[in-house]
Each structure stands twice: as C-alpha cells, then as structure tokens.
Amino acid sequence: MKELIGRPGSVSGLLLRIGQFSCASIAISVMVTTAGFATFTAFCYLIASMGLQLLWSLGLACLDIYALWKKRDLQNPILVSLFVVGDWVTATLSLAAASSCAGLTVLFSRDLHFCTGEYHLPCINYKFAVAFAFVTWGLTAISSHVMFWILLASV
C-alpha cells in the first residue's frame, strides 16, 4: 500500500495532530480572553468542542510520538477504526460549533450592528476564534479522510 501523508505513527501524522492541537488551543484562548463570551450559548459550545478536539489531538499526538520513538506500526485495523470514529465525532462537533459561531458573529456584525453600536461587542475576537475553529475542523477532516482510506485498504 502507498504511504499516505498524515497516517498514524508518522511524522506527517504528528504534524497534523500538532496543528489540530494548536488551532484548537488558539480558538479557546481567544474566546476565553474575550469579555462577555459566556452569555452566548454558541460560544460556550465552541469552547467545549475545541476542548474535546484539544484532548483528542493531544492523545493521538502522544501516540504518534510513542510510535515514532519505538518504531511501531499503527496500521492495526481495530486501532485505525477507533481513530476514524474519533476523528468523525470531533470533526462533526468542530464543524457544528464553528458554523454556529460564524452565524452568530455575522448576525452581530452585519445585521444587528452590535459591534459598532451601543453594545460594542468584540466581534474581531469572535471572528478570529471562529477562523481557527474552521482550520481545526479542516485538519480533522483531512485526518479522518486519511484514516478512512487506511481502514479501507486494510480490510
């Protein structure tokens, strides 16, 4: 089988997981440091979703480091199927959170003018956190795609 970029136990897989972890961390950090985010459910959901993504990516990055250090192969079909399901779940939650926050941010900035009106919401911070949430989702989608093809090839 051809070696896929981003497969588990490889340097590219580790870089993919580090990217997911970093983008989720930035999204959480920006949102938490923004005043008044907790009054909106979508932004709280973004933090919860990115927190789950952060833990999932960190766990798989540690597994990749272990596999690289011990020169182990992580192409076991049962293990890869677990990775596929985990990536699908976290990707779905990340996309839902990023989309709901993007919709809310567009509503605030363009329709209700809460960013420039009397409320002065920090919409630039919301946009920044949403952008990193979408990047996190994209990296997770790439990872789940790679895992799915590895799973199909091993069956």
N, C-alpha and C. Protein backbone atom coordinates (compact mmCIF):
# COMPACT_ATOMS: atom_id res chain seq x y z
N MET A 1 0.83 -1.18 0.00
CA MET A 1 0.00 0.00 0.00
C MET A 1 0.88 1.25 0.00
N LYS A 2 0.41 2.26 -0.69
CA LYS A 2 1.13 3.52 -0.75
C LYS A 2 1.08 4.22 0.60
N GLU A 3 2.19 4.83 0.98
CA GLU A 3 2.25 5.55 2.25
C GLU A 3 1.47 6.86 2.13
N LEU A 4 0.45 7.02 2.95
CA LEU A 4 -0.36 8.22 2.92
C LEU A 4 0.21 9.28 3.86
N ILE A 5 0.15 10.52 3.41
CA ILE A 5 0.59 11.63 4.26
C ILE A 5 -0.45 11.82 5.35
N GLY A 6 0.00 11.89 6.60
CA GLY A 6 -0.90 12.07 7.73
C GLY A 6 -1.32 10.78 8.40
N ARG A 7 -0.72 9.66 7.99
CA ARG A 7 -1.09 8.38 8.60
C ARG A 7 -0.59 8.33 10.04
N PRO A 8 -1.25 7.54 10.87
CA PRO A 8 -0.83 7.47 12.28
C PRO A 8 0.55 6.83 12.41
N GLY A 9 1.32 7.36 13.34
CA GLY A 9 2.65 6.83 13.58
C GLY A 9 3.71 7.40 12.66
N SER A 10 3.38 8.45 11.92
CA SER A 10 4.36 9.07 11.02
C SER A 10 4.60 10.52 11.46
N VAL A 11 5.66 11.10 10.92
CA VAL A 11 5.97 12.49 11.23
C VAL A 11 4.87 13.41 10.71
N SER A 12 4.36 13.12 9.51
CA SER A 12 3.29 13.97 8.96
C SER A 12 2.01 13.83 9.78
N GLY A 13 1.75 12.65 10.30
CA GLY A 13 0.60 12.48 11.20
C GLY A 13 0.77 13.26 12.48
N LEU A 14 1.98 13.26 13.00
CA LEU A 14 2.27 14.02 14.21
C LEU A 14 2.10 15.52 13.95
N LEU A 15 2.58 16.00 12.82
CA LEU A 15 2.43 17.41 12.48
C LEU A 15 0.97 17.79 12.30
N LEU A 16 0.18 16.89 11.74
CA LEU A 16 -1.25 17.12 11.58
C LEU A 16 -1.93 17.25 12.95
N ARG A 17 -1.57 16.39 13.87
CA ARG A 17 -2.14 16.44 15.23
C ARG A 17 -1.68 17.67 15.98
N ILE A 18 -0.43 18.07 15.79
CA ILE A 18 0.06 19.28 16.44
C ILE A 18 -0.67 20.51 15.89
N GLY A 19 -0.94 20.50 14.61
CA GLY A 19 -1.72 21.59 14.01
C GLY A 19 -3.13 21.66 14.56
N GLN A 20 -3.78 20.51 14.71
CA GLN A 20 -5.12 20.48 15.30
C GLN A 20 -5.09 21.00 16.72
N PHE A 21 -4.13 20.53 17.49
CA PHE A 21 -3.99 20.94 18.88
C PHE A 21 -3.75 22.44 18.99
N SER A 22 -2.86 22.96 18.16
CA SER A 22 -2.51 24.38 18.21
C SER A 22 -3.69 25.26 17.84
N CYS A 23 -4.38 24.92 16.76
CA CYS A 23 -5.52 25.74 16.33
C CYS A 23 -6.66 25.69 17.33
N ALA A 24 -6.92 24.53 17.91
CA ALA A 24 -7.96 24.44 18.93
C ALA A 24 -7.56 25.24 20.17
N SER A 25 -6.29 25.20 20.53
CA SER A 25 -5.80 25.98 21.67
C SER A 25 -5.96 27.48 21.43
N ILE A 26 -5.64 27.92 20.24
CA ILE A 26 -5.77 29.34 19.92
C ILE A 26 -7.24 29.76 19.95
N ALA A 27 -8.12 28.94 19.38
CA ALA A 27 -9.55 29.26 19.38
C ALA A 27 -10.07 29.38 20.81
N ILE A 28 -9.69 28.45 21.67
CA ILE A 28 -10.12 28.50 23.07
C ILE A 28 -9.54 29.73 23.76
N SER A 29 -8.26 29.99 23.56
CA SER A 29 -7.60 31.11 24.22
C SER A 29 -8.22 32.45 23.83
N VAL A 30 -8.47 32.62 22.55
CA VAL A 30 -9.06 33.88 22.09
C VAL A 30 -10.47 34.04 22.66
N MET A 31 -11.24 32.98 22.65
CA MET A 31 -12.62 33.09 23.12
C MET A 31 -12.67 33.32 24.63
N VAL A 32 -11.83 32.64 25.37
CA VAL A 32 -11.84 32.78 26.84
C VAL A 32 -11.39 34.17 27.26
N THR A 33 -10.46 34.77 26.54
CA THR A 33 -9.98 36.09 26.91
C THR A 33 -10.88 37.22 26.40
N THR A 34 -11.94 36.87 25.70
CA THR A 34 -12.89 37.87 25.20
C THR A 34 -13.98 38.08 26.24
N ALA A 35 -14.21 39.34 26.59
CA ALA A 35 -15.21 39.65 27.61
C ALA A 35 -16.62 39.37 27.08
N GLY A 36 -17.43 38.74 27.91
CA GLY A 36 -18.83 38.53 27.59
C GLY A 36 -19.15 37.35 26.70
N PHE A 37 -18.19 36.49 26.44
CA PHE A 37 -18.48 35.35 25.56
C PHE A 37 -19.45 34.37 26.19
N ALA A 38 -19.45 34.28 27.51
CA ALA A 38 -20.24 33.26 28.21
C ALA A 38 -21.75 33.54 28.17
N THR A 39 -22.15 34.70 27.72
CA THR A 39 -23.58 34.99 27.64
C THR A 39 -24.22 34.39 26.39
N PHE A 40 -23.41 33.86 25.49
CA PHE A 40 -23.91 33.28 24.25
C PHE A 40 -23.61 31.79 24.22
N THR A 41 -24.64 30.99 24.05
CA THR A 41 -24.51 29.54 24.10
C THR A 41 -23.59 29.00 23.00
N ALA A 42 -23.65 29.57 21.82
CA ALA A 42 -22.83 29.08 20.71
C ALA A 42 -21.34 29.21 21.03
N PHE A 43 -20.96 30.30 21.69
CA PHE A 43 -19.55 30.49 22.02
C PHE A 43 -19.11 29.52 23.12
N CYS A 44 -20.01 29.22 24.04
CA CYS A 44 -19.69 28.21 25.07
C CYS A 44 -19.55 26.83 24.43
N TYR A 45 -20.40 26.54 23.44
CA TYR A 45 -20.31 25.28 22.72
C TYR A 45 -19.00 25.19 21.94
N LEU A 46 -18.54 26.32 21.39
CA LEU A 46 -17.26 26.33 20.68
C LEU A 46 -16.13 25.95 21.63
N ILE A 47 -16.15 26.48 22.83
CA ILE A 47 -15.10 26.15 23.79
C ILE A 47 -15.16 24.68 24.17
N ALA A 48 -16.36 24.15 24.38
CA ALA A 48 -16.49 22.74 24.72
C ALA A 48 -16.01 21.84 23.58
N SER A 49 -16.39 22.20 22.37
CA SER A 49 -16.00 21.40 21.20
C SER A 49 -14.50 21.46 20.96
N MET A 50 -13.93 22.64 21.06
CA MET A 50 -12.48 22.78 20.87
C MET A 50 -11.72 22.12 22.02
N GLY A 51 -12.30 22.10 23.21
CA GLY A 51 -11.66 21.40 24.34
C GLY A 51 -11.59 19.90 24.08
N LEU A 52 -12.68 19.34 23.55
CA LEU A 52 -12.67 17.92 23.20
C LEU A 52 -11.66 17.65 22.09
N GLN A 53 -11.63 18.53 21.09
CA GLN A 53 -10.67 18.38 19.99
C GLN A 53 -9.24 18.47 20.51
N LEU A 54 -9.01 19.36 21.44
CA LEU A 54 -7.69 19.54 22.04
C LEU A 54 -7.23 18.25 22.73
N LEU A 55 -8.11 17.66 23.52
CA LEU A 55 -7.76 16.41 24.21
C LEU A 55 -7.54 15.26 23.24
N TRP A 56 -8.41 15.14 22.25
CA TRP A 56 -8.29 14.07 21.25
C TRP A 56 -6.98 14.20 20.48
N SER A 57 -6.66 15.40 20.04
CA SER A 57 -5.43 15.62 19.27
C SER A 57 -4.19 15.39 20.11
N LEU A 58 -4.24 15.83 21.35
CA LEU A 58 -3.10 15.62 22.25
C LEU A 58 -2.87 14.13 22.49
N GLY A 59 -3.93 13.38 22.70
CA GLY A 59 -3.80 11.94 22.91
C GLY A 59 -3.20 11.24 21.70
N LEU A 60 -3.69 11.59 20.53
CA LEU A 60 -3.16 10.94 19.32
C LEU A 60 -1.75 11.43 18.98
N ALA A 61 -1.43 12.66 19.32
CA ALA A 61 -0.06 13.14 19.12
C ALA A 61 0.90 12.37 20.02
N CYS A 62 0.49 12.13 21.26
CA CYS A 62 1.33 11.33 22.16
C CYS A 62 1.50 9.91 21.64
N LEU A 63 0.43 9.35 21.07
CA LEU A 63 0.51 8.02 20.49
C LEU A 63 1.45 8.01 19.27
N ASP A 64 1.39 9.06 18.46
CA ASP A 64 2.31 9.17 17.32
C ASP A 64 3.76 9.30 17.79
N ILE A 65 3.99 10.08 18.83
CA ILE A 65 5.35 10.22 19.37
C ILE A 65 5.86 8.87 19.87
N TYR A 66 5.01 8.14 20.57
CA TYR A 66 5.40 6.82 21.06
C TYR A 66 5.72 5.88 19.90
N ALA A 67 4.86 5.90 18.87
CA ALA A 67 5.08 5.01 17.72
C ALA A 67 6.36 5.37 16.98
N LEU A 68 6.65 6.65 16.86
CA LEU A 68 7.89 7.06 16.20
C LEU A 68 9.11 6.71 17.03
N TRP A 69 9.00 6.87 18.32
CA TRP A 69 10.12 6.59 19.22
C TRP A 69 10.44 5.09 19.25
N LYS A 70 9.40 4.26 19.34
CA LYS A 70 9.59 2.81 19.41
C LYS A 70 9.59 2.14 18.04
N LYS A 71 9.40 2.94 16.98
CA LYS A 71 9.34 2.44 15.60
C LYS A 71 8.25 1.36 15.45
N ARG A 72 7.07 1.68 15.98
CA ARG A 72 5.92 0.78 15.90
C ARG A 72 5.01 1.19 14.76
N ASP A 73 4.29 0.20 14.24
CA ASP A 73 3.33 0.44 13.17
C ASP A 73 1.93 0.54 13.79
N LEU A 74 1.21 1.60 13.45
CA LEU A 74 -0.14 1.79 13.98
C LEU A 74 -1.20 1.48 12.93
N GLN A 75 -0.90 0.56 12.03
CA GLN A 75 -1.83 0.23 10.95
C GLN A 75 -2.78 -0.91 11.30
N ASN A 76 -2.97 -1.17 12.56
CA ASN A 76 -3.90 -2.19 13.02
C ASN A 76 -5.34 -1.75 12.67
N PRO A 77 -6.13 -2.62 11.99
CA PRO A 77 -7.49 -2.21 11.58
C PRO A 77 -8.40 -1.80 12.74
N ILE A 78 -8.28 -2.44 13.87
CA ILE A 78 -9.12 -2.08 15.01
C ILE A 78 -8.72 -0.71 15.54
N LEU A 79 -7.44 -0.46 15.65
CA LEU A 79 -6.95 0.83 16.12
C LEU A 79 -7.30 1.94 15.15
N VAL A 80 -7.14 1.69 13.85
CA VAL A 80 -7.46 2.70 12.84
C VAL A 80 -8.96 2.98 12.81
N SER A 81 -9.80 1.96 13.02
CA SER A 81 -11.24 2.20 13.06
C SER A 81 -11.62 3.07 14.26
N LEU A 82 -10.93 2.91 15.36
CA LEU A 82 -11.14 3.80 16.51
C LEU A 82 -10.74 5.23 16.16
N PHE A 83 -9.62 5.39 15.45
CA PHE A 83 -9.20 6.72 15.02
C PHE A 83 -10.23 7.35 14.09
N VAL A 84 -10.78 6.54 13.17
CA VAL A 84 -11.76 7.05 12.21
C VAL A 84 -13.00 7.57 12.94
N VAL A 85 -13.52 6.77 13.85
CA VAL A 85 -14.73 7.17 14.58
C VAL A 85 -14.45 8.40 15.44
N GLY A 86 -13.33 8.42 16.12
CA GLY A 86 -12.97 9.58 16.94
C GLY A 86 -12.81 10.85 16.12
N ASP A 87 -12.16 10.72 14.96
CA ASP A 87 -11.99 11.89 14.09
C ASP A 87 -13.33 12.35 13.52
N TRP A 88 -14.21 11.41 13.16
CA TRP A 88 -15.52 11.79 12.65
C TRP A 88 -16.33 12.53 13.72
N VAL A 89 -16.31 12.05 14.92
CA VAL A 89 -17.06 12.69 16.00
C VAL A 89 -16.52 14.09 16.27
N THR A 90 -15.21 14.19 16.44
CA THR A 90 -14.64 15.51 16.74
C THR A 90 -14.76 16.47 15.56
N ALA A 91 -14.67 15.96 14.33
CA ALA A 91 -14.84 16.82 13.16
C ALA A 91 -16.27 17.33 13.06
N THR A 92 -17.23 16.48 13.33
CA THR A 92 -18.64 16.90 13.28
C THR A 92 -18.93 17.95 14.35
N LEU A 93 -18.44 17.72 15.55
CA LEU A 93 -18.65 18.70 16.62
C LEU A 93 -17.94 20.01 16.33
N SER A 94 -16.74 19.95 15.78
CA SER A 94 -15.99 21.16 15.44
C SER A 94 -16.68 21.96 14.35
N LEU A 95 -17.17 21.28 13.33
CA LEU A 95 -17.87 21.98 12.25
C LEU A 95 -19.16 22.62 12.76
N ALA A 96 -19.90 21.91 13.59
CA ALA A 96 -21.14 22.46 14.13
C ALA A 96 -20.86 23.70 14.99
N ALA A 97 -19.84 23.62 15.82
CA ALA A 97 -19.51 24.75 16.69
C ALA A 97 -19.02 25.94 15.87
N ALA A 98 -18.14 25.70 14.92
CA ALA A 98 -17.62 26.80 14.11
C ALA A 98 -18.72 27.44 13.27
N SER A 99 -19.61 26.64 12.73
CA SER A 99 -20.69 27.17 11.90
C SER A 99 -21.67 28.00 12.72
N SER A 100 -22.03 27.49 13.90
CA SER A 100 -22.98 28.24 14.73
C SER A 100 -22.37 29.56 15.20
N CYS A 101 -21.09 29.55 15.55
CA CYS A 101 -20.43 30.78 15.97
C CYS A 101 -20.25 31.74 14.81
N ALA A 102 -19.99 31.22 13.64
CA ALA A 102 -19.86 32.08 12.46
C ALA A 102 -21.20 32.75 12.16
N GLY A 103 -22.27 32.00 12.24
CA GLY A 103 -23.59 32.58 12.02
C GLY A 103 -23.92 33.66 13.03
N LEU A 104 -23.59 33.41 14.27
CA LEU A 104 -23.84 34.39 15.32
C LEU A 104 -22.98 35.64 15.14
N THR A 105 -21.74 35.45 14.74
CA THR A 105 -20.84 36.58 14.52
C THR A 105 -21.32 37.43 13.34
N VAL A 106 -21.77 36.80 12.27
CA VAL A 106 -22.31 37.55 11.13
C VAL A 106 -23.57 38.30 11.55
N LEU A 107 -24.41 37.66 12.32
CA LEU A 107 -25.62 38.32 12.80
C LEU A 107 -25.28 39.56 13.62
N PHE A 108 -24.33 39.43 14.52
CA PHE A 108 -23.94 40.56 15.37
C PHE A 108 -23.30 41.70 14.58
N SER A 109 -22.41 41.35 13.67
CA SER A 109 -21.63 42.39 12.99
C SER A 109 -22.36 43.03 11.82
N ARG A 110 -23.09 42.27 11.03
CA ARG A 110 -23.68 42.82 9.82
C ARG A 110 -25.16 43.15 9.95
N ASP A 111 -25.90 42.36 10.70
CA ASP A 111 -27.35 42.57 10.75
C ASP A 111 -27.79 43.43 11.92
N LEU A 112 -27.27 43.15 13.10
CA LEU A 112 -27.70 43.87 14.29
C LEU A 112 -26.77 45.04 14.65
N HIS A 113 -25.61 45.10 14.04
CA HIS A 113 -24.61 46.15 14.28
C HIS A 113 -24.25 46.27 15.76
N PHE A 114 -24.11 45.12 16.42
CA PHE A 114 -23.72 45.10 17.83
C PHE A 114 -22.23 45.41 18.01
N CYS A 115 -21.46 45.30 16.96
CA CYS A 115 -20.02 45.54 17.08
C CYS A 115 -19.70 47.03 17.10
N THR A 116 -20.52 47.82 16.43
CA THR A 116 -20.26 49.25 16.35
C THR A 116 -21.29 50.08 17.11
N GLY A 117 -22.39 49.49 17.48
CA GLY A 117 -23.46 50.22 18.15
C GLY A 117 -23.15 50.44 19.62
N GLU A 118 -24.21 50.55 20.40
CA GLU A 118 -24.04 50.83 21.82
C GLU A 118 -23.49 49.64 22.60
N TYR A 119 -23.56 48.44 22.05
CA TYR A 119 -23.09 47.25 22.77
C TYR A 119 -21.57 47.07 22.68
N HIS A 120 -20.99 47.42 21.56
CA HIS A 120 -19.54 47.31 21.32
C HIS A 120 -19.01 45.91 21.65
N LEU A 121 -19.60 44.89 21.04
CA LEU A 121 -19.09 43.53 21.23
C LEU A 121 -17.76 43.37 20.51
N PRO A 122 -16.86 42.58 21.05
CA PRO A 122 -15.54 42.36 20.41
C PRO A 122 -15.63 41.36 19.26
N CYS A 123 -16.29 41.77 18.19
CA CYS A 123 -16.54 40.85 17.07
C CYS A 123 -15.27 40.40 16.38
N ILE A 124 -14.23 41.19 16.39
CA ILE A 124 -12.97 40.78 15.75
C ILE A 124 -12.41 39.56 16.48
N ASN A 125 -12.56 39.50 17.78
CA ASN A 125 -12.10 38.33 18.53
C ASN A 125 -12.96 37.12 18.20
N TYR A 126 -14.27 37.33 18.07
CA TYR A 126 -15.15 36.22 17.69
C TYR A 126 -14.76 35.68 16.32
N LYS A 127 -14.49 36.58 15.38
CA LYS A 127 -14.11 36.15 14.02
C LYS A 127 -12.80 35.38 14.03
N PHE A 128 -11.86 35.85 14.82
CA PHE A 128 -10.55 35.19 14.92
C PHE A 128 -10.70 33.78 15.48
N ALA A 129 -11.48 33.63 16.56
CA ALA A 129 -11.70 32.31 17.16
C ALA A 129 -12.43 31.38 16.20
N VAL A 130 -13.41 31.91 15.47
CA VAL A 130 -14.16 31.10 14.51
C VAL A 130 -13.25 30.65 13.37
N ALA A 131 -12.37 31.53 12.92
CA ALA A 131 -11.44 31.16 11.84
C ALA A 131 -10.55 30.00 12.27
N PHE A 132 -10.03 30.05 13.48
CA PHE A 132 -9.20 28.95 13.96
C PHE A 132 -10.01 27.68 14.20
N ALA A 133 -11.27 27.83 14.56
CA ALA A 133 -12.13 26.65 14.71
C ALA A 133 -12.36 25.97 13.36
N PHE A 134 -12.52 26.76 12.30
CA PHE A 134 -12.67 26.18 10.97
C PHE A 134 -11.38 25.51 10.50
N VAL A 135 -10.24 26.10 10.81
CA VAL A 135 -8.96 25.47 10.45
C VAL A 135 -8.81 24.15 11.21
N THR A 136 -9.20 24.14 12.47
CA THR A 136 -9.16 22.89 13.26
C THR A 136 -10.04 21.84 12.61
N TRP A 137 -11.24 22.24 12.21
CA TRP A 137 -12.14 21.29 11.54
C TRP A 137 -11.51 20.77 10.25
N GLY A 138 -10.90 21.66 9.47
CA GLY A 138 -10.28 21.22 8.22
C GLY A 138 -9.17 20.21 8.43
N LEU A 139 -8.34 20.45 9.42
CA LEU A 139 -7.27 19.50 9.72
C LEU A 139 -7.83 18.17 10.22
N THR A 140 -8.89 18.21 10.99
CA THR A 140 -9.51 16.98 11.47
C THR A 140 -10.18 16.23 10.33
N ALA A 141 -10.78 16.96 9.41
CA ALA A 141 -11.39 16.32 8.24
C ALA A 141 -10.34 15.64 7.38
N ILE A 142 -9.20 16.26 7.21
CA ILE A 142 -8.10 15.64 6.46
C ILE A 142 -7.65 14.36 7.17
N SER A 143 -7.49 14.45 8.46
CA SER A 143 -7.07 13.28 9.24
C SER A 143 -8.08 12.14 9.13
N SER A 144 -9.36 12.45 9.24
CA SER A 144 -10.37 11.38 9.15
C SER A 144 -10.42 10.78 7.76
N HIS A 145 -10.16 11.59 6.74
CA HIS A 145 -10.12 11.08 5.37
C HIS A 145 -8.96 10.10 5.19
N VAL A 146 -7.80 10.47 5.70
CA VAL A 146 -6.63 9.59 5.60
C VAL A 146 -6.89 8.29 6.36
N MET A 147 -7.42 8.41 7.58
CA MET A 147 -7.70 7.22 8.39
C MET A 147 -8.70 6.30 7.70
N PHE A 148 -9.71 6.90 7.08
CA PHE A 148 -10.72 6.10 6.39
C PHE A 148 -10.11 5.32 5.24
N TRP A 149 -9.20 5.94 4.47
CA TRP A 149 -8.56 5.23 3.36
C TRP A 149 -7.62 4.15 3.86
N ILE A 150 -6.99 4.37 4.98
CA ILE A 150 -6.14 3.33 5.57
C ILE A 150 -7.01 2.16 6.01
N LEU A 151 -8.15 2.47 6.61
CA LEU A 151 -9.06 1.42 7.05
C LEU A 151 -9.59 0.61 5.86
N LEU A 152 -9.95 1.28 4.79
CA LEU A 152 -10.44 0.56 3.60
C LEU A 152 -9.36 -0.33 2.99
N ALA A 153 -8.13 0.16 3.00
CA ALA A 153 -7.03 -0.61 2.42
C ALA A 153 -6.68 -1.84 3.26
N SER A 154 -6.95 -1.76 4.57
CA SER A 154 -6.57 -2.87 5.44
C SER A 154 -7.65 -3.95 5.53
N VAL A 155 -8.83 -3.66 5.04
CA VAL A 155 -9.92 -4.65 5.11
C VAL A 155 -9.92 -5.55 3.92
